[in-house]
PDB file of N, CA and C in Angstrom:
ATOM      1  N   UNK A   1      57.737  -3.101 198.241  1.00  0.00           N
ATOM      2  CA  UNK A   1      58.854  -3.729 197.572  1.00  0.00           C
ATOM      3  C   UNK A   1      59.725  -4.413 198.617  1.00  0.00           C
ATOM      4  N   UNK A   2      60.294  -5.509 198.206  1.00  0.00           N
ATOM      5  CA  UNK A   2      61.173  -6.263 199.090  1.00  0.00           C
ATOM      6  C   UNK A   2      62.600  -6.194 198.558  1.00  0.00           C
ATOM      7  N   UNK A   3      63.492  -5.647 199.366  1.00  0.00           N
ATOM      8  CA  UNK A   3      64.901  -5.585 198.998  1.00  0.00           C
ATOM      9  C   UNK A   3      65.594  -6.837 199.527  1.00  0.00           C
ATOM     10  N   UNK A   4      66.391  -7.464 198.678  1.00  0.00           N
ATOM     11  CA  UNK A   4      67.144  -8.647 199.076  1.00  0.00           C
ATOM     12  C   UNK A   4      68.634  -8.336 198.975  1.00  0.00           C
ATOM     13  N   UNK A   5      69.383  -8.820 199.969  1.00  0.00           N
ATOM     14  CA  UNK A   5      70.830  -8.605 200.021  1.00  0.00           C
ATOM     15  C   UNK A   5      71.489  -9.956 200.234  1.00  0.00           C
ATOM     16  N   UNK A   6      72.234 -10.406 199.232  1.00  0.00           N
ATOM     17  CA  UNK A   6      72.889 -11.708 199.302  1.00  0.00           C
ATOM     18  C   UNK A   6      74.398 -11.522 199.428  1.00  0.00           C
ATOM     19  N   UNK A   7      75.010 -12.129 200.440  1.00  0.00           N
ATOM     20  CA  UNK A   7      76.467 -12.042 200.556  1.00  0.00           C
ATOM     21  C   UNK A   7      77.142 -12.763 199.387  1.00  0.00           C
ATOM     22  N   UNK A   8      78.220 -12.209 198.892  1.00  0.00           N
ATOM     23  CA  UNK A   8      78.998 -12.816 197.813  1.00  0.00           C
ATOM     24  C   UNK A   8      80.172 -13.590 198.410  1.00  0.00           C
ATOM     25  N   UNK A   9      80.560 -14.672 197.755  1.00  0.00           N
ATOM     26  CA  UNK A   9      81.696 -15.468 198.225  1.00  0.00           C
ATOM     27  C   UNK A   9      82.980 -14.653 198.266  1.00  0.00           C
ATOM     28  N   UNK A  10      83.149 -13.770 197.293  1.00  0.00           N
ATOM     29  CA  UNK A  10      84.370 -12.962 197.224  1.00  0.00           C
ATOM     30  C   UNK A  10      84.295 -11.707 198.088  1.00  0.00           C
ATOM     31  N   UNK A  11      83.197 -11.535 198.802  1.00  0.00           N
ATOM     32  CA  UNK A  11      83.001 -10.366 199.658  1.00  0.00           C
ATOM     33  C   UNK A  11      81.962  -9.427 199.084  1.00  0.00           C
ATOM     34  N   UNK A  12      81.400  -8.620 199.927  1.00  0.00           N
ATOM     35  CA  UNK A  12      80.396  -7.671 199.480  1.00  0.00           C
ATOM     36  C   UNK A  12      79.019  -8.309 199.394  1.00  0.00           C
ATOM     37  N   UNK A  13      78.086  -7.556 198.821  1.00  0.00           N
ATOM     38  CA  UNK A  13      76.703  -8.000 198.725  1.00  0.00           C
ATOM     39  C   UNK A  13      76.123  -7.696 197.356  1.00  0.00           C
ATOM     40  N   UNK A  14      75.260  -8.574 196.887  1.00  0.00           N
ATOM     41  CA  UNK A  14      74.418  -8.320 195.725  1.00  0.00           C
ATOM     42  C   UNK A  14      73.080  -7.869 196.281  1.00  0.00           C
ATOM     43  N   UNK A  15      72.509  -6.822 195.711  1.00  0.00           N
ATOM     44  CA  UNK A  15      71.242  -6.284 196.189  1.00  0.00           C
ATOM     45  C   UNK A  15      70.266  -6.177 195.029  1.00  0.00           C
ATOM     46  N   UNK A  16      69.003  -6.526 195.277  1.00  0.00           N
ATOM     47  CA  UNK A  16      67.984  -6.417 194.233  1.00  0.00           C
ATOM     48  C   UNK A  16      66.606  -6.299 194.853  1.00  0.00           C
ATOM     49  N   UNK A  17      65.662  -5.848 194.031  1.00  0.00           N
ATOM     50  CA  UNK A  17      64.267  -5.764 194.444  1.00  0.00           C
ATOM     51  C   UNK A  17      63.584  -7.013 193.904  1.00  0.00           C
ATOM     52  N   UNK A  18      62.991  -7.800 194.788  1.00  0.00           N
ATOM     53  CA  UNK A  18      62.424  -9.080 194.389  1.00  0.00           C
ATOM     54  C   UNK A  18      61.259  -8.939 193.413  1.00  0.00           C
ATOM     55  N   UNK A  19      60.452  -7.926 193.558  1.00  0.00           N
ATOM     56  CA  UNK A  19      59.252  -7.793 192.735  1.00  0.00           C
ATOM     57  C   UNK A  19      59.483  -7.152 191.375  1.00  0.00           C
ATOM     58  N   UNK A  20      60.651  -6.539 191.167  1.00  0.00           N
ATOM     59  CA  UNK A  20      60.892  -5.823 189.910  1.00  0.00           C
ATOM     60  C   UNK A  20      62.215  -6.293 189.308  1.00  0.00           C
ATOM     61  N   UNK A  21      62.130  -7.036 188.215  1.00  0.00           N
ATOM     62  CA  UNK A  21      63.366  -7.495 187.571  1.00  0.00           C
ATOM     63  C   UNK A  21      64.097  -6.304 186.965  1.00  0.00           C
ATOM     64  N   UNK A  22      65.390  -6.359 186.997  1.00  0.00           N
ATOM     65  CA  UNK A  22      66.197  -5.304 186.403  1.00  0.00           C
ATOM     66  C   UNK A  22      66.694  -4.265 187.390  1.00  0.00           C
ATOM     67  N   UNK A  23      66.178  -4.275 188.610  1.00  0.00           N
ATOM     68  CA  UNK A  23      66.700  -3.356 189.620  1.00  0.00           C
ATOM     69  C   UNK A  23      67.625  -4.156 190.516  1.00  0.00           C
ATOM     70  N   UNK A  24      68.918  -4.022 190.242  1.00  0.00           N
ATOM     71  CA  UNK A  24      69.913  -4.741 191.042  1.00  0.00           C
ATOM     72  C   UNK A  24      71.217  -3.963 191.053  1.00  0.00           C
ATOM     73  N   UNK A  25      72.027  -4.245 192.053  1.00  0.00           N
ATOM     74  CA  UNK A  25      73.302  -3.553 192.211  1.00  0.00           C
ATOM     75  C   UNK A  25      74.170  -4.365 193.167  1.00  0.00           C
ATOM     76  N   UNK A  26      75.243  -3.766 193.653  1.00  0.00           N
ATOM     77  CA  UNK A  26      76.112  -4.445 194.608  1.00  0.00           C
ATOM     78  C   UNK A  26      76.776  -3.409 195.484  1.00  0.00           C
ATOM     79  N   UNK A  27      77.444  -3.876 196.523  1.00  0.00           N
ATOM     80  CA  UNK A  27      78.191  -2.993 197.406  1.00  0.00           C
ATOM     81  C   UNK A  27      79.186  -3.790 198.215  1.00  0.00           C
ATOM     82  N   UNK A  28      80.258  -3.142 198.620  1.00  0.00           N
ATOM     83  CA  UNK A  28      81.273  -3.807 199.433  1.00  0.00           C
ATOM     84  C   UNK A  28      80.762  -4.082 200.846  1.00  0.00           C
ATOM     85  N   UNK A  29      79.878  -3.210 201.340  1.00  0.00           N
ATOM     86  CA  UNK A  29      79.270  -3.394 202.662  1.00  0.00           C
ATOM     87  C   UNK A  29      77.757  -3.413 202.490  1.00  0.00           C
ATOM     88  N   UNK A  30      77.057  -3.869 203.522  1.00  0.00           N
ATOM     89  CA  UNK A  30      75.596  -3.875 203.474  1.00  0.00           C
ATOM     90  C   UNK A  30      75.069  -2.448 203.336  1.00  0.00           C
ATOM     91  N   UNK A  31      75.665  -1.506 204.031  1.00  0.00           N
ATOM     92  CA  UNK A  31      75.234  -0.115 203.949  1.00  0.00           C
ATOM     93  C   UNK A  31      75.411   0.444 202.542  1.00  0.00           C
ATOM     94  N   UNK A  32      76.544   0.120 201.916  1.00  0.00           N
ATOM     95  CA  UNK A  32      76.790   0.581 200.546  1.00  0.00           C
ATOM     96  C   UNK A  32      75.803  -0.066 199.581  1.00  0.00           C
ATOM     97  N   UNK A  33      75.519  -1.343 199.763  1.00  0.00           N
ATOM     98  CA  UNK A  33      74.557  -2.035 198.903  1.00  0.00           C
ATOM     99  C   UNK A  33      73.166  -1.418 199.048  1.00  0.00           C
ATOM    100  N   UNK A  34      72.780  -1.070 200.280  1.00  0.00           N
ATOM    101  CA  UNK A  34      71.475  -0.423 200.506  1.00  0.00           C
ATOM    102  C   UNK A  34      71.412   0.922 199.807  1.00  0.00           C
ATOM    103  N   UNK A  35      72.455   1.729 199.948  1.00  0.00           N
ATOM    104  CA  UNK A  35      72.484   3.047 199.307  1.00  0.00           C
ATOM    105  C   UNK A  35      72.457   2.917 197.792  1.00  0.00           C
ATOM    106  N   UNK A  36      73.221   1.965 197.253  1.00  0.00           N
ATOM    107  CA  UNK A  36      73.243   1.751 195.807  1.00  0.00           C
ATOM    108  C   UNK A  36      71.886   1.273 195.294  1.00  0.00           C
ATOM    109  N   UNK A  37      71.207   0.426 196.076  1.00  0.00           N
ATOM    110  CA  UNK A  37      69.905  -0.068 195.656  1.00  0.00           C
ATOM    111  C   UNK A  37      68.871   1.058 195.665  1.00  0.00           C
ATOM    112  N   UNK A  38      68.920   1.916 196.681  1.00  0.00           N
ATOM    113  CA  UNK A  38      68.006   3.060 196.723  1.00  0.00           C
ATOM    114  C   UNK A  38      68.207   3.950 195.505  1.00  0.00           C
ATOM    115  N   UNK A  39      69.460   4.178 195.136  1.00  0.00           N
ATOM    116  CA  UNK A  39      69.764   4.992 193.958  1.00  0.00           C
ATOM    117  C   UNK A  39      69.252   4.316 192.689  1.00  0.00           C
ATOM    118  N   UNK A  40      69.442   3.007 192.576  1.00  0.00           N
ATOM    119  CA  UNK A  40      68.976   2.272 191.400  1.00  0.00           C
ATOM    120  C   UNK A  40      67.454   2.339 191.266  1.00  0.00           C
ATOM    121  N   UNK A  41      66.743   2.182 192.375  1.00  0.00           N
ATOM    122  CA  UNK A  41      65.274   2.267 192.354  1.00  0.00           C
ATOM    123  C   UNK A  41      64.852   3.655 191.876  1.00  0.00           C
ATOM    124  N   UNK A  42      65.454   4.690 192.436  1.00  0.00           N
ATOM    125  CA  UNK A  42      65.110   6.058 192.035  1.00  0.00           C
ATOM    126  C   UNK A  42      65.372   6.296 190.554  1.00  0.00           C
ATOM    127  N   UNK A  43      66.502   5.823 190.049  1.00  0.00           N
ATOM    128  CA  UNK A  43      66.827   6.002 188.634  1.00  0.00           C
ATOM    129  C   UNK A  43      65.828   5.287 187.725  1.00  0.00           C
ATOM    130  N   UNK A  44      65.442   4.077 188.088  1.00  0.00           N
ATOM    131  CA  UNK A  44      64.481   3.323 187.273  1.00  0.00           C
ATOM    132  C   UNK A  44      63.139   4.038 187.252  1.00  0.00           C
ATOM    133  N   UNK A  45      62.664   4.508 188.420  1.00  0.00           N
ATOM    134  CA  UNK A  45      61.376   5.193 188.449  1.00  0.00           C
ATOM    135  C   UNK A  45      61.426   6.535 187.736  1.00  0.00           C
ATOM    136  N   UNK A  46      62.535   7.259 187.829  1.00  0.00           N
ATOM    137  CA  UNK A  46      62.685   8.507 187.079  1.00  0.00           C
ATOM    138  C   UNK A  46      62.587   8.236 185.578  1.00  0.00           C
ATOM    139  N   UNK A  47      63.253   7.201 185.118  1.00  0.00           N
ATOM    140  CA  UNK A  47      63.215   6.849 183.701  1.00  0.00           C
ATOM    141  C   UNK A  47      61.807   6.431 183.273  1.00  0.00           C
ATOM    142  N   UNK A  48      61.121   5.675 184.124  1.00  0.00           N
ATOM    143  CA  UNK A  48      59.759   5.257 183.811  1.00  0.00           C
ATOM    144  C   UNK A  48      58.835   6.465 183.681  1.00  0.00           C
ATOM    145  N   UNK A  49      58.974   7.439 184.592  1.00  0.00           N
ATOM    146  CA  UNK A  49      58.152   8.644 184.517  1.00  0.00           C
ATOM    147  C   UNK A  49      58.465   9.425 183.247  1.00  0.00           C
ATOM    148  N   UNK A  50      59.731   9.584 182.930  1.00  0.00           N
ATOM    149  CA  UNK A  50      60.122  10.339 181.740  1.00  0.00           C
ATOM    150  C   UNK A  50      59.643   9.651 180.471  1.00  0.00           C
ATOM    151  N   UNK A  51      59.776   8.344 180.413  1.00  0.00           N
ATOM    152  CA  UNK A  51      59.379   7.589 179.227  1.00  0.00           C
ATOM    153  C   UNK A  51      57.870   7.609 179.035  1.00  0.00           C
ATOM    154  N   UNK A  52      57.127   7.523 180.114  1.00  0.00           N
ATOM    155  CA  UNK A  52      55.667   7.475 179.994  1.00  0.00           C
ATOM    156  C   UNK A  52      55.089   8.791 179.517  1.00  0.00           C
ATOM    157  N   UNK A  53      55.818   9.880 179.662  1.00  0.00           N
ATOM    158  CA  UNK A  53      55.301  11.191 179.260  1.00  0.00           C
ATOM    159  C   UNK A  53      55.785  11.634 177.894  1.00  0.00           C
ATOM    160  N   UNK A  54      56.745  10.944 177.296  1.00  0.00           N
ATOM    161  CA  UNK A  54      57.229  11.323 175.974  1.00  0.00           C
ATOM    162  C   UNK A  54      56.103  11.179 174.957  1.00  0.00           C
ATOM    163  N   UNK A  55      55.953  12.163 174.136  1.00  0.00           N
ATOM    164  CA  UNK A  55      54.925  12.112 173.107  1.00  0.00           C
ATOM    165  C   UNK A  55      53.536  12.447 173.608  1.00  0.00           C
ATOM    166  N   UNK A  56      53.373  12.591 174.905  1.00  0.00           N
ATOM    167  CA  UNK A  56      52.063  12.908 175.443  1.00  0.00           C
ATOM    168  C   UNK A  56      51.968  14.358 175.907  1.00  0.00           C
ATOM    169  N   UNK A  57      53.053  15.083 175.835  1.00  0.00           N
ATOM    170  CA  UNK A  57      53.072  16.443 176.361  1.00  0.00           C
ATOM    171  C   UNK A  57      52.023  17.320 175.693  1.00  0.00           C
ATOM    172  N   UNK A  58      51.798  17.128 174.407  1.00  0.00           N
ATOM    173  CA  UNK A  58      50.830  17.972 173.727  1.00  0.00           C
ATOM    174  C   UNK A  58      49.391  17.509 173.975  1.00  0.00           C
ATOM    175  N   UNK A  59      49.183  16.376 174.622  1.00  0.00           N
ATOM    176  CA  UNK A  59      47.851  15.868 174.923  1.00  0.00           C
ATOM    177  C   UNK A  59      47.405  16.216 176.340  1.00  0.00           C
ATOM    178  N   UNK A  60      48.339  16.604 177.186  1.00  0.00           N
ATOM    179  CA  UNK A  60      48.032  16.855 178.588  1.00  0.00           C
ATOM    180  C   UNK A  60      47.664  18.322 178.771  1.00  0.00           C
ATOM    181  N   UNK A  61      46.555  18.546 179.439  1.00  0.00           N
ATOM    182  CA  UNK A  61      46.120  19.913 179.756  1.00  0.00           C
ATOM    183  C   UNK A  61      46.294  20.092 181.257  1.00  0.00           C
ATOM    184  N   UNK A  62      47.023  21.116 181.651  1.00  0.00           N
ATOM    185  CA  UNK A  62      47.194  21.389 183.076  1.00  0.00           C
ATOM    186  C   UNK A  62      46.626  22.767 183.375  1.00  0.00           C
ATOM    187  N   UNK A  63      46.046  22.884 184.535  1.00  0.00           N
ATOM    188  CA  UNK A  63      45.479  24.158 184.962  1.00  0.00           C
ATOM    189  C   UNK A  63      45.473  24.187 186.485  1.00  0.00           C
ATOM    190  N   UNK A  64      45.875  25.289 187.046  1.00  0.00           N
ATOM    191  CA  UNK A  64      45.832  25.461 188.492  1.00  0.00           C
ATOM    192  C   UNK A  64      44.436  25.939 188.866  1.00  0.00           C
ATOM    193  N   UNK A  65      43.834  25.261 189.819  1.00  0.00           N
ATOM    194  CA  UNK A  65      42.491  25.606 190.243  1.00  0.00           C
ATOM    195  C   UNK A  65      42.461  25.729 191.759  1.00  0.00           C
ATOM    196  N   UNK A  66      41.570  26.544 192.250  1.00  0.00           N
ATOM    197  CA  UNK A  66      41.379  26.640 193.697  1.00  0.00           C
ATOM    198  C   UNK A  66      39.888  26.499 193.989  1.00  0.00           C
ATOM    199  N   UNK A  67      39.586  25.933 195.134  1.00  0.00           N
ATOM    200  CA  UNK A  67      38.208  25.671 195.508  1.00  0.00           C
ATOM    201  C   UNK A  67      37.948  26.245 196.898  1.00  0.00           C
ATOM    202  N   UNK A  68      36.761  26.728 197.095  1.00  0.00           N
ATOM    203  CA  UNK A  68      36.327  27.198 198.410  1.00  0.00           C
ATOM    204  C   UNK A  68      35.049  26.476 198.789  1.00  0.00           C
ATOM    205  N   UNK A  69      34.953  26.104 200.055  1.00  0.00           N
ATOM    206  CA  UNK A  69      33.753  25.414 200.512  1.00  0.00           C
ATOM    207  C   UNK A  69      33.146  26.144 201.676  1.00  0.00           C
TER     208      UNK A  69
END
């Protein structure tokens, strides 16, 4: 993923991920924009994982297995 940070005329930065629309944020400093973008990416992926598993819980079979060679 490519993170982009654009300075704003009024100060601060706009931050977004170029390859994924909808992941964007801002910050007063570059460091704040980076931290906010990392949080936004994590939140989007958490939501994607949660959404992809809704309704499938009763279809998934899990079992702990061990192997010896």
